[in-house]
């Protein structure tokens, strides 16, 4: 059975099963409590991308990826690592989200 486009309910459920909480969802992005990682829906419901916050340590990121990947596979969702991101304070109390390529991290 194919998953619907951007299956937020299924993703929230699989995250809750492993003790993670969704704090906000906007468009194709899913923000988790304390923002260690960010999930992004792909073009089809079965695809989910994993972005790591620049402030998250490598060990924590690897642990979260493995846990989310295992739970996602049980729902028929493929999780792929995509890279890093940075959240910072923007203008007028807004947050600014920046996806980083490898060159920006050096």
PDB file of N, CA and C in Angstrom:
ATOM      1  N   UNK A   1       0.835  -1.176   0.000  1.00  0.00           N
ATOM      2  CA  UNK A   1       0.000   0.000   0.000  1.00  0.00           C
ATOM      3  C   UNK A   1       0.884   1.246   0.000  1.00  0.00           C
ATOM      4  N   UNK A   2       0.660   2.132  -0.942  1.00  0.00           N
ATOM      5  CA  UNK A   2       1.445   3.353  -1.052  1.00  0.00           C
ATOM      6  C   UNK A   2       1.047   4.342   0.041  1.00  0.00           C
ATOM      7  N   UNK A   3       2.034   5.051   0.542  1.00  0.00           N
ATOM      8  CA  UNK A   3       1.774   6.073   1.548  1.00  0.00           C
ATOM      9  C   UNK A   3       1.286   7.347   0.863  1.00  0.00           C
ATOM     10  N   UNK A   4       0.482   8.143   1.551  1.00  0.00           N
ATOM     11  CA  UNK A   4       0.051   9.412   0.963  1.00  0.00           C
ATOM     12  C   UNK A   4       1.220  10.387   0.854  1.00  0.00           C
ATOM     13  N   UNK A   5       1.042  11.412   0.060  1.00  0.00           N
ATOM     14  CA  UNK A   5       2.035  12.474  -0.089  1.00  0.00           C
ATOM     15  C   UNK A   5       2.217  13.157   1.261  1.00  0.00           C
ATOM     16  N   UNK A   6       3.452  13.293   1.717  1.00  0.00           N
ATOM     17  CA  UNK A   6       3.789  13.905   3.002  1.00  0.00           C
ATOM     18  C   UNK A   6       2.974  13.316   4.156  1.00  0.00           C
ATOM     19  N   UNK A   7       3.233  12.071   4.491  1.00  0.00           N
ATOM     20  CA  UNK A   7       2.446  11.357   5.510  1.00  0.00           C
ATOM     21  C   UNK A   7       2.806  11.760   6.941  1.00  0.00           C
ATOM     22  N   UNK A   8       2.419  12.964   7.335  1.00  0.00           N
ATOM     23  CA  UNK A   8       2.800  13.495   8.643  1.00  0.00           C
ATOM     24  C   UNK A   8       2.317  12.604   9.782  1.00  0.00           C
ATOM     25  N   UNK A   9       1.106  12.096   9.698  1.00  0.00           N
ATOM     26  CA  UNK A   9       0.586  11.240  10.763  1.00  0.00           C
ATOM     27  C   UNK A   9       1.437  10.005  10.984  1.00  0.00           C
ATOM     28  N   UNK A  10       1.819   9.348   9.900  1.00  0.00           N
ATOM     29  CA  UNK A  10       2.654   8.142  10.006  1.00  0.00           C
ATOM     30  C   UNK A  10       4.029   8.476  10.578  1.00  0.00           C
ATOM     31  N   UNK A  11       4.604   9.608  10.168  1.00  0.00           N
ATOM     32  CA  UNK A  11       5.928  10.008  10.662  1.00  0.00           C
ATOM     33  C   UNK A  11       5.850  10.370  12.141  1.00  0.00           C
ATOM     34  N   UNK A  12       4.816  11.120  12.543  1.00  0.00           N
ATOM     35  CA  UNK A  12       4.650  11.447  13.961  1.00  0.00           C
ATOM     36  C   UNK A  12       4.532  10.180  14.793  1.00  0.00           C
ATOM     37  N   UNK A  13       3.775   9.211  14.309  1.00  0.00           N
ATOM     38  CA  UNK A  13       3.571   7.968  15.033  1.00  0.00           C
ATOM     39  C   UNK A  13       4.880   7.185  15.186  1.00  0.00           C
ATOM     40  N   UNK A  14       5.649   7.058  14.115  1.00  0.00           N
ATOM     41  CA  UNK A  14       6.904   6.301  14.214  1.00  0.00           C
ATOM     42  C   UNK A  14       7.904   7.009  15.105  1.00  0.00           C
ATOM     43  N   UNK A  15       7.910   8.340  15.107  1.00  0.00           N
ATOM     44  CA  UNK A  15       8.817   9.076  15.985  1.00  0.00           C
ATOM     45  C   UNK A  15       8.421   8.910  17.448  1.00  0.00           C
ATOM     46  N   UNK A  16       7.117   8.961  17.725  1.00  0.00           N
ATOM     47  CA  UNK A  16       6.645   8.770  19.097  1.00  0.00           C
ATOM     48  C   UNK A  16       6.996   7.383  19.613  1.00  0.00           C
ATOM     49  N   UNK A  17       6.986   6.388  18.738  1.00  0.00           N
ATOM     50  CA  UNK A  17       7.316   5.018  19.145  1.00  0.00           C
ATOM     51  C   UNK A  17       8.758   4.897  19.642  1.00  0.00           C
ATOM     52  N   UNK A  18       9.627   5.787  19.172  1.00  0.00           N
ATOM     53  CA  UNK A  18      11.031   5.729  19.611  1.00  0.00           C
ATOM     54  C   UNK A  18      11.371   6.870  20.573  1.00  0.00           C
ATOM     55  N   UNK A  19      10.336   7.553  21.082  1.00  0.00           N
ATOM     56  CA  UNK A  19      10.543   8.561  22.113  1.00  0.00           C
ATOM     57  C   UNK A  19      10.871   9.951  21.610  1.00  0.00           C
ATOM     58  N   UNK A  20      10.602  10.251  20.351  1.00  0.00           N
ATOM     59  CA  UNK A  20      10.858  11.579  19.804  1.00  0.00           C
ATOM     60  C   UNK A  20       9.536  12.300  19.571  1.00  0.00           C
ATOM     61  N   UNK A  21       9.566  13.605  19.736  1.00  0.00           N
ATOM     62  CA  UNK A  21       8.346  14.392  19.623  1.00  0.00           C
ATOM     63  C   UNK A  21       8.459  15.426  18.510  1.00  0.00           C
ATOM     64  N   UNK A  22       7.443  15.506  17.684  1.00  0.00           N
ATOM     65  CA  UNK A  22       7.361  16.538  16.656  1.00  0.00           C
ATOM     66  C   UNK A  22       6.851  17.805  17.333  1.00  0.00           C
ATOM     67  N   UNK A  23       7.584  18.904  17.159  1.00  0.00           N
ATOM     68  CA  UNK A  23       7.152  20.160  17.751  1.00  0.00           C
ATOM     69  C   UNK A  23       6.502  21.084  16.730  1.00  0.00           C
ATOM     70  N   UNK A  24       6.824  20.899  15.455  1.00  0.00           N
ATOM     71  CA  UNK A  24       6.285  21.793  14.438  1.00  0.00           C
ATOM     72  C   UNK A  24       6.461  21.143  13.077  1.00  0.00           C
ATOM     73  N   UNK A  25       5.483  21.316  12.225  1.00  0.00           N
ATOM     74  CA  UNK A  25       5.582  20.852  10.836  1.00  0.00           C
ATOM     75  C   UNK A  25       5.174  22.006   9.944  1.00  0.00           C
ATOM     76  N   UNK A  26       5.974  22.268   8.937  1.00  0.00           N
ATOM     77  CA  UNK A  26       5.689  23.355   8.006  1.00  0.00           C
ATOM     78  C   UNK A  26       6.042  22.891   6.601  1.00  0.00           C
ATOM     79  N   UNK A  27       5.076  22.931   5.713  1.00  0.00           N
ATOM     80  CA  UNK A  27       5.263  22.536   4.324  1.00  0.00           C
ATOM     81  C   UNK A  27       5.840  21.114   4.286  1.00  0.00           C
ATOM     82  N   UNK A  28       7.075  20.947   3.822  1.00  0.00           N
ATOM     83  CA  UNK A  28       7.666  19.605   3.734  1.00  0.00           C
ATOM     84  C   UNK A  28       8.637  19.311   4.881  1.00  0.00           C
ATOM     85  N   UNK A  29       8.683  20.174   5.900  1.00  0.00           N
ATOM     86  CA  UNK A  29       9.647  20.044   6.993  1.00  0.00           C
ATOM     87  C   UNK A  29       8.984  19.583   8.282  1.00  0.00           C
ATOM     88  N   UNK A  30       9.701  18.739   9.035  1.00  0.00           N
ATOM     89  CA  UNK A  30       9.229  18.253  10.326  1.00  0.00           C
ATOM     90  C   UNK A  30      10.313  18.560  11.355  1.00  0.00           C
ATOM     91  N   UNK A  31       9.978  19.414  12.316  1.00  0.00           N
ATOM     92  CA  UNK A  31      10.913  19.817  13.358  1.00  0.00           C
ATOM     93  C   UNK A  31      10.674  18.963  14.598  1.00  0.00           C
ATOM     94  N   UNK A  32      11.767  18.499  15.206  1.00  0.00           N
ATOM     95  CA  UNK A  32      11.684  17.664  16.403  1.00  0.00           C
ATOM     96  C   UNK A  32      12.021  18.485  17.644  1.00  0.00           C
ATOM     97  N   UNK A  33      11.574  18.001  18.800  1.00  0.00           N
ATOM     98  CA  UNK A  33      11.861  18.650  20.074  1.00  0.00           C
ATOM     99  C   UNK A  33      13.369  18.866  20.224  1.00  0.00           C
ATOM    100  N   UNK A  34      13.783  20.060  20.553  1.00  0.00           N
ATOM    101  CA  UNK A  34      15.171  20.478  20.763  1.00  0.00           C
ATOM    102  C   UNK A  34      15.992  20.537  19.471  1.00  0.00           C
ATOM    103  N   UNK A  35      15.392  20.267  18.334  1.00  0.00           N
ATOM    104  CA  UNK A  35      16.003  20.415  17.007  1.00  0.00           C
ATOM    105  C   UNK A  35      17.354  19.727  16.801  1.00  0.00           C
ATOM    106  N   UNK A  36      17.532  18.480  17.244  1.00  0.00           N
ATOM    107  CA  UNK A  36      18.803  17.816  16.949  1.00  0.00           C
ATOM    108  C   UNK A  36      18.908  17.455  15.470  1.00  0.00           C
ATOM    109  N   UNK A  37      17.756  17.155  14.881  1.00  0.00           N
ATOM    110  CA  UNK A  37      17.688  16.826  13.454  1.00  0.00           C
ATOM    111  C   UNK A  37      16.390  17.405  12.897  1.00  0.00           C
ATOM    112  N   UNK A  38      16.332  17.443  11.586  1.00  0.00           N
ATOM    113  CA  UNK A  38      15.172  17.945  10.861  1.00  0.00           C
ATOM    114  C   UNK A  38      14.838  16.917   9.794  1.00  0.00           C
ATOM    115  N   UNK A  39      13.567  16.593   9.662  1.00  0.00           N
ATOM    116  CA  UNK A  39      13.144  15.648   8.633  1.00  0.00           C
ATOM    117  C   UNK A  39      12.436  16.417   7.528  1.00  0.00           C
ATOM    118  N   UNK A  40      12.618  15.947   6.304  1.00  0.00           N
ATOM    119  CA  UNK A  40      12.019  16.600   5.145  1.00  0.00           C
ATOM    120  C   UNK A  40      11.379  15.538   4.264  1.00  0.00           C
ATOM    121  N   UNK A  41      10.118  15.766   3.925  1.00  0.00           N
ATOM    122  CA  UNK A  41       9.425  14.829   3.052  1.00  0.00           C
ATOM    123  C   UNK A  41       9.985  14.908   1.640  1.00  0.00           C
ATOM    124  N   UNK A  42      10.019  13.764   0.977  1.00  0.00           N
ATOM    125  CA  UNK A  42      10.447  13.693  -0.415  1.00  0.00           C
ATOM    126  C   UNK A  42       9.267  13.901  -1.355  1.00  0.00           C
ATOM    127  N   UNK A  43       9.496  13.628  -2.615  1.00  0.00           N
ATOM    128  CA  UNK A  43       8.464  13.808  -3.633  1.00  0.00           C
ATOM    129  C   UNK A  43       7.365  12.749  -3.557  1.00  0.00           C
ATOM    130  N   UNK A  44       7.652  11.639  -2.889  1.00  0.00           N
ATOM    131  CA  UNK A  44       6.660  10.587  -2.682  1.00  0.00           C
ATOM    132  C   UNK A  44       6.599  10.286  -1.188  1.00  0.00           C
ATOM    133  N   UNK A  45       5.477   9.732  -0.747  1.00  0.00           N
ATOM    134  CA  UNK A  45       5.273   9.473   0.670  1.00  0.00           C
ATOM    135  C   UNK A  45       6.271   8.526   1.291  1.00  0.00           C
ATOM    136  N   UNK A  46       6.848   7.658   0.493  1.00  0.00           N
ATOM    137  CA  UNK A  46       7.793   6.663   1.021  1.00  0.00           C
ATOM    138  C   UNK A  46       9.218   7.196   1.190  1.00  0.00           C
ATOM    139  N   UNK A  47       9.462   8.467   0.909  1.00  0.00           N
ATOM    140  CA  UNK A  47      10.809   9.035   0.974  1.00  0.00           C
ATOM    141  C   UNK A  47      10.867  10.117   2.053  1.00  0.00           C
ATOM    142  N   UNK A  48      11.892  10.046   2.911  1.00  0.00           N
ATOM    143  CA  UNK A  48      12.085  11.010   3.981  1.00  0.00           C
ATOM    144  C   UNK A  48      13.576  11.320   4.074  1.00  0.00           C
ATOM    145  N   UNK A  49      13.899  12.603   4.179  1.00  0.00           N
ATOM    146  CA  UNK A  49      15.296  13.037   4.254  1.00  0.00           C
ATOM    147  C   UNK A  49      15.642  13.480   5.675  1.00  0.00           C
ATOM    148  N   UNK A  50      16.876  13.211   6.067  1.00  0.00           N
ATOM    149  CA  UNK A  50      17.388  13.425   7.424  1.00  0.00           C
ATOM    150  C   UNK A  50      18.479  14.489   7.368  1.00  0.00           C
ATOM    151  N   UNK A  51      18.258  15.618   8.035  1.00  0.00           N
ATOM    152  CA  UNK A  51      19.240  16.702   8.106  1.00  0.00           C
ATOM    153  C   UNK A  51      19.671  16.851   9.564  1.00  0.00           C
ATOM    154  N   UNK A  52      20.954  17.062   9.802  1.00  0.00           N
ATOM    155  CA  UNK A  52      21.506  17.163  11.151  1.00  0.00           C
ATOM    156  C   UNK A  52      21.790  18.626  11.486  1.00  0.00           C
ATOM    157  N   UNK A  53      21.382  19.039  12.675  1.00  0.00           N
ATOM    158  CA  UNK A  53      21.684  20.383  13.164  1.00  0.00           C
ATOM    159  C   UNK A  53      23.203  20.489  13.365  1.00  0.00           C
ATOM    160  N   UNK A  54      23.793  21.623  13.002  1.00  0.00           N
ATOM    161  CA  UNK A  54      25.248  21.808  13.148  1.00  0.00           C
ATOM    162  C   UNK A  54      25.681  21.699  14.606  1.00  0.00           C
ATOM    163  N   UNK A  55      24.744  21.878  15.537  1.00  0.00           N
ATOM    164  CA  UNK A  55      25.068  21.797  16.966  1.00  0.00           C
ATOM    165  C   UNK A  55      24.926  20.389  17.534  1.00  0.00           C
ATOM    166  N   UNK A  56      24.471  19.447  16.732  1.00  0.00           N
ATOM    167  CA  UNK A  56      24.300  18.063  17.178  1.00  0.00           C
ATOM    168  C   UNK A  56      25.599  17.294  16.969  1.00  0.00           C
ATOM    169  N   UNK A  57      26.041  16.588  17.994  1.00  0.00           N
ATOM    170  CA  UNK A  57      27.265  15.802  17.898  1.00  0.00           C
ATOM    171  C   UNK A  57      27.106  14.620  16.957  1.00  0.00           C
ATOM    172  N   UNK A  58      28.226  14.146  16.434  1.00  0.00           N
ATOM    173  CA  UNK A  58      28.208  13.030  15.475  1.00  0.00           C
ATOM    174  C   UNK A  58      27.607  11.753  16.067  1.00  0.00           C
ATOM    175  N   UNK A  59      27.951  11.442  17.319  1.00  0.00           N
ATOM    176  CA  UNK A  59      27.426  10.225  17.946  1.00  0.00           C
ATOM    177  C   UNK A  59      25.913  10.291  18.094  1.00  0.00           C
ATOM    178  N   UNK A  60      25.412  11.438  18.548  1.00  0.00           N
ATOM    179  CA  UNK A  60      23.964  11.606  18.703  1.00  0.00           C
ATOM    180  C   UNK A  60      23.263  11.522  17.349  1.00  0.00           C
ATOM    181  N   UNK A  61      23.859  12.157  16.334  1.00  0.00           N
ATOM    182  CA  UNK A  61      23.272  12.136  14.993  1.00  0.00           C
ATOM    183  C   UNK A  61      23.197  10.712  14.454  1.00  0.00           C
ATOM    184  N   UNK A  62      24.260   9.936  14.633  1.00  0.00           N
ATOM    185  CA  UNK A  62      24.271   8.557  14.154  1.00  0.00           C
ATOM    186  C   UNK A  62      23.235   7.708  14.894  1.00  0.00           C
ATOM    187  N   UNK A  63      23.119   7.920  16.198  1.00  0.00           N
ATOM    188  CA  UNK A  63      22.137   7.187  16.992  1.00  0.00           C
ATOM    189  C   UNK A  63      20.714   7.526  16.524  1.00  0.00           C
ATOM    190  N   UNK A  64      20.427   8.816  16.333  1.00  0.00           N
ATOM    191  CA  UNK A  64      19.096   9.232  15.888  1.00  0.00           C
ATOM    192  C   UNK A  64      18.784   8.698  14.493  1.00  0.00           C
ATOM    193  N   UNK A  65      19.773   8.744  13.602  1.00  0.00           N
ATOM    194  CA  UNK A  65      19.545   8.239  12.249  1.00  0.00           C
ATOM    195  C   UNK A  65      19.200   6.756  12.293  1.00  0.00           C
ATOM    196  N   UNK A  66      19.964   5.977  13.052  1.00  0.00           N
ATOM    197  CA  UNK A  66      19.720   4.534  13.123  1.00  0.00           C
ATOM    198  C   UNK A  66      18.339   4.235  13.708  1.00  0.00           C
ATOM    199  N   UNK A  67      17.958   4.954  14.761  1.00  0.00           N
ATOM    200  CA  UNK A  67      16.664   4.717  15.399  1.00  0.00           C
ATOM    201  C   UNK A  67      15.513   5.101  14.476  1.00  0.00           C
ATOM    202  N   UNK A  68      15.620   6.271  13.834  1.00  0.00           N
ATOM    203  CA  UNK A  68      14.549   6.717  12.936  1.00  0.00           C
ATOM    204  C   UNK A  68      14.490   5.832  11.698  1.00  0.00           C
ATOM    205  N   UNK A  69      15.645   5.441  11.183  1.00  0.00           N
ATOM    206  CA  UNK A  69      15.679   4.588   9.996  1.00  0.00           C
ATOM    207  C   UNK A  69      14.992   3.245  10.262  1.00  0.00           C
ATOM    208  N   UNK A  70      15.259   2.652  11.400  1.00  0.00           N
ATOM    209  CA  UNK A  70      14.646   1.365  11.734  1.00  0.00           C
ATOM    210  C   UNK A  70      13.131   1.504  11.871  1.00  0.00           C
ATOM    211  N   UNK A  71      12.679   2.548  12.551  1.00  0.00           N
ATOM    212  CA  UNK A  71      11.241   2.770  12.717  1.00  0.00           C
ATOM    213  C   UNK A  71      10.578   3.096  11.379  1.00  0.00           C
ATOM    214  N   UNK A  72      11.256   3.888  10.557  1.00  0.00           N
ATOM    215  CA  UNK A  72      10.700   4.265   9.257  1.00  0.00           C
ATOM    216  C   UNK A  72      10.570   3.055   8.344  1.00  0.00           C
ATOM    217  N   UNK A  73      11.567   2.190   8.366  1.00  0.00           N
ATOM    218  CA  UNK A  73      11.523   0.990   7.520  1.00  0.00           C
ATOM    219  C   UNK A  73      10.304   0.139   7.854  1.00  0.00           C
ATOM    220  N   UNK A  74       9.930   0.103   9.125  1.00  0.00           N
ATOM    221  CA  UNK A  74       8.754  -0.641   9.545  1.00  0.00           C
ATOM    222  C   UNK A  74       7.453  -0.070   8.988  1.00  0.00           C
ATOM    223  N   UNK A  75       7.492   1.193   8.577  1.00  0.00           N
ATOM    224  CA  UNK A  75       6.314   1.851   7.991  1.00  0.00           C
ATOM    225  C   UNK A  75       6.400   1.922   6.464  1.00  0.00           C
ATOM    226  N   UNK A  76       7.466   1.327   5.902  1.00  0.00           N
ATOM    227  CA  UNK A  76       7.637   1.374   4.450  1.00  0.00           C
ATOM    228  C   UNK A  76       8.234   2.675   3.951  1.00  0.00           C
ATOM    229  N   UNK A  77       8.922   3.392   4.847  1.00  0.00           N
ATOM    230  CA  UNK A  77       9.526   4.689   4.500  1.00  0.00           C
ATOM    231  C   UNK A  77      11.037   4.529   4.419  1.00  0.00           C
ATOM    232  N   UNK A  78      11.642   5.076   3.375  1.00  0.00           N
ATOM    233  CA  UNK A  78      13.090   5.084   3.215  1.00  0.00           C
ATOM    234  C   UNK A  78      13.635   6.395   3.746  1.00  0.00           C
ATOM    235  N   UNK A  79      14.598   6.334   4.665  1.00  0.00           N
ATOM    236  CA  UNK A  79      15.229   7.513   5.247  1.00  0.00           C
ATOM    237  C   UNK A  79      16.622   7.674   4.649  1.00  0.00           C
ATOM    238  N   UNK A  80      16.901   8.854   4.115  1.00  0.00           N
ATOM    239  CA  UNK A  80      18.198   9.147   3.508  1.00  0.00           C
ATOM    240  C   UNK A  80      18.854  10.334   4.199  1.00  0.00           C
ATOM    241  N   UNK A  81      20.174  10.216   4.445  1.00  0.00           N
ATOM    242  CA  UNK A  81      20.921  11.337   5.018  1.00  0.00           C
ATOM    243  C   UNK A  81      21.132  12.403   3.952  1.00  0.00           C
ATOM    244  N   UNK A  82      20.943  13.653   4.333  1.00  0.00           N
ATOM    245  CA  UNK A  82      21.069  14.747   3.378  1.00  0.00           C
ATOM    246  C   UNK A  82      22.160  15.753   3.704  1.00  0.00           C
ATOM    247  N   UNK A  83      22.461  16.002   4.941  1.00  0.00           N
ATOM    248  CA  UNK A  83      23.480  17.003   5.259  1.00  0.00           C
ATOM    249  C   UNK A  83      23.137  17.721   6.553  1.00  0.00           C
ATOM    250  N   UNK A  84      23.623  18.955   6.666  1.00  0.00           N
ATOM    251  CA  UNK A  84      23.456  19.713   7.909  1.00  0.00           C
ATOM    252  C   UNK A  84      22.637  20.972   7.658  1.00  0.00           C
ATOM    253  N   UNK A  85      22.146  21.515   8.763  1.00  0.00           N
ATOM    254  CA  UNK A  85      21.394  22.768   8.707  1.00  0.00           C
ATOM    255  C   UNK A  85      21.729  23.599   9.942  1.00  0.00           C
ATOM    256  N   UNK A  86      21.371  24.883   9.852  1.00  0.00           N
ATOM    257  CA  UNK A  86      21.591  25.811  10.970  1.00  0.00           C
ATOM    258  C   UNK A  86      20.302  26.591  11.193  1.00  0.00           C
ATOM    259  N   UNK A  87      19.887  26.688  12.441  1.00  0.00           N
ATOM    260  CA  UNK A  87      18.763  27.535  12.837  1.00  0.00           C
ATOM    261  C   UNK A  87      19.338  28.721  13.587  1.00  0.00           C
ATOM    262  N   UNK A  88      18.895  29.909  13.242  1.00  0.00           N
ATOM    263  CA  UNK A  88      19.366  31.095  13.943  1.00  0.00           C
ATOM    264  C   UNK A  88      18.234  32.112  14.025  1.00  0.00           C
ATOM    265  N   UNK A  89      18.418  33.088  14.897  1.00  0.00           N
ATOM    266  CA  UNK A  89      17.414  34.136  15.048  1.00  0.00           C
ATOM    267  C   UNK A  89      17.444  35.034  13.822  1.00  0.00           C
ATOM    268  N   UNK A  90      16.276  35.249  13.266  1.00  0.00           N
ATOM    269  CA  UNK A  90      16.156  36.139  12.117  1.00  0.00           C
ATOM    270  C   UNK A  90      15.528  37.455  12.545  1.00  0.00           C
ATOM    271  N   UNK A  91      15.011  38.194  11.606  1.00  0.00           N
ATOM    272  CA  UNK A  91      14.382  39.481  11.893  1.00  0.00           C
ATOM    273  C   UNK A  91      13.004  39.283  12.501  1.00  0.00           C
ATOM    274  N   UNK A  92      12.571  40.252  13.310  1.00  0.00           N
ATOM    275  CA  UNK A  92      11.229  40.269  13.887  1.00  0.00           C
ATOM    276  C   UNK A  92      10.872  38.979  14.628  1.00  0.00           C
ATOM    277  N   UNK A  93      11.803  38.470  15.414  1.00  0.00           N
ATOM    278  CA  UNK A  93      11.601  37.273  16.221  1.00  0.00           C
ATOM    279  C   UNK A  93      11.313  36.023  15.402  1.00  0.00           C
ATOM    280  N   UNK A  94      11.642  36.019  14.143  1.00  0.00           N
ATOM    281  CA  UNK A  94      11.500  34.840  13.288  1.00  0.00           C
ATOM    282  C   UNK A  94      12.779  34.023  13.349  1.00  0.00           C
ATOM    283  N   UNK A  95      12.671  32.759  12.997  1.00  0.00           N
ATOM    284  CA  UNK A  95      13.847  31.902  12.894  1.00  0.00           C
ATOM    285  C   UNK A  95      14.289  31.829  11.443  1.00  0.00           C
ATOM    286  N   UNK A  96      15.571  31.691  11.259  1.00  0.00           N
ATOM    287  CA  UNK A  96      16.146  31.541   9.931  1.00  0.00           C
ATOM    288  C   UNK A  96      16.704  30.125   9.818  1.00  0.00           C
ATOM    289  N   UNK A  97      16.316  29.427   8.756  1.00  0.00           N
ATOM    290  CA  UNK A  97      16.773  28.061   8.510  1.00  0.00           C
ATOM    291  C   UNK A  97      17.682  28.082   7.293  1.00  0.00           C
ATOM    292  N   UNK A  98      18.884  27.528   7.464  1.00  0.00           N
ATOM    293  CA  UNK A  98      19.863  27.510   6.379  1.00  0.00           C
ATOM    294  C   UNK A  98      20.382  26.082   6.204  1.00  0.00           C
ATOM    295  N   UNK A  99      20.178  25.531   5.006  1.00  0.00           N
ATOM    296  CA  UNK A  99      20.745  24.221   4.683  1.00  0.00           C
ATOM    297  C   UNK A  99      22.161  24.454   4.197  1.00  0.00           C
ATOM    298  N   UNK A 100      23.113  23.664   4.716  1.00  0.00           N
ATOM    299  CA  UNK A 100      24.525  23.871   4.434  1.00  0.00           C
ATOM    300  C   UNK A 100      25.088  22.763   3.567  1.00  0.00           C
ATOM    301  N   UNK A 101      25.958  23.145   2.652  1.00  0.00           N
ATOM    302  CA  UNK A 101      26.678  22.128   1.888  1.00  0.00           C
ATOM    303  C   UNK A 101      28.012  21.889   2.605  1.00  0.00           C
ATOM    304  N   UNK A 102      28.747  20.899   2.167  1.00  0.00           N
ATOM    305  CA  UNK A 102      30.003  20.529   2.831  1.00  0.00           C
ATOM    306  C   UNK A 102      31.009  21.670   2.866  1.00  0.00           C
ATOM    307  N   UNK A 103      31.051  22.505   1.835  1.00  0.00           N
ATOM    308  CA  UNK A 103      32.018  23.600   1.776  1.00  0.00           C
ATOM    309  C   UNK A 103      31.725  24.637   2.858  1.00  0.00           C
ATOM    310  N   UNK A 104      30.474  24.829   3.216  1.00  0.00           N
ATOM    311  CA  UNK A 104      30.101  25.829   4.231  1.00  0.00           C
ATOM    312  C   UNK A 104      30.487  25.383   5.638  1.00  0.00           C
ATOM    313  N   UNK A 105      30.782  24.119   5.816  1.00  0.00           N
ATOM    314  CA  UNK A 105      31.099  23.596   7.147  1.00  0.00           C
ATOM    315  C   UNK A 105      32.580  23.670   7.478  1.00  0.00           C
ATOM    316  N   UNK A 106      33.395  24.109   6.565  1.00  0.00           N
ATOM    317  CA  UNK A 106      34.835  24.107   6.786  1.00  0.00           C
ATOM    318  C   UNK A 106      35.331  25.431   7.267  1.00  0.00           C
TER     319      UNK A 106
END
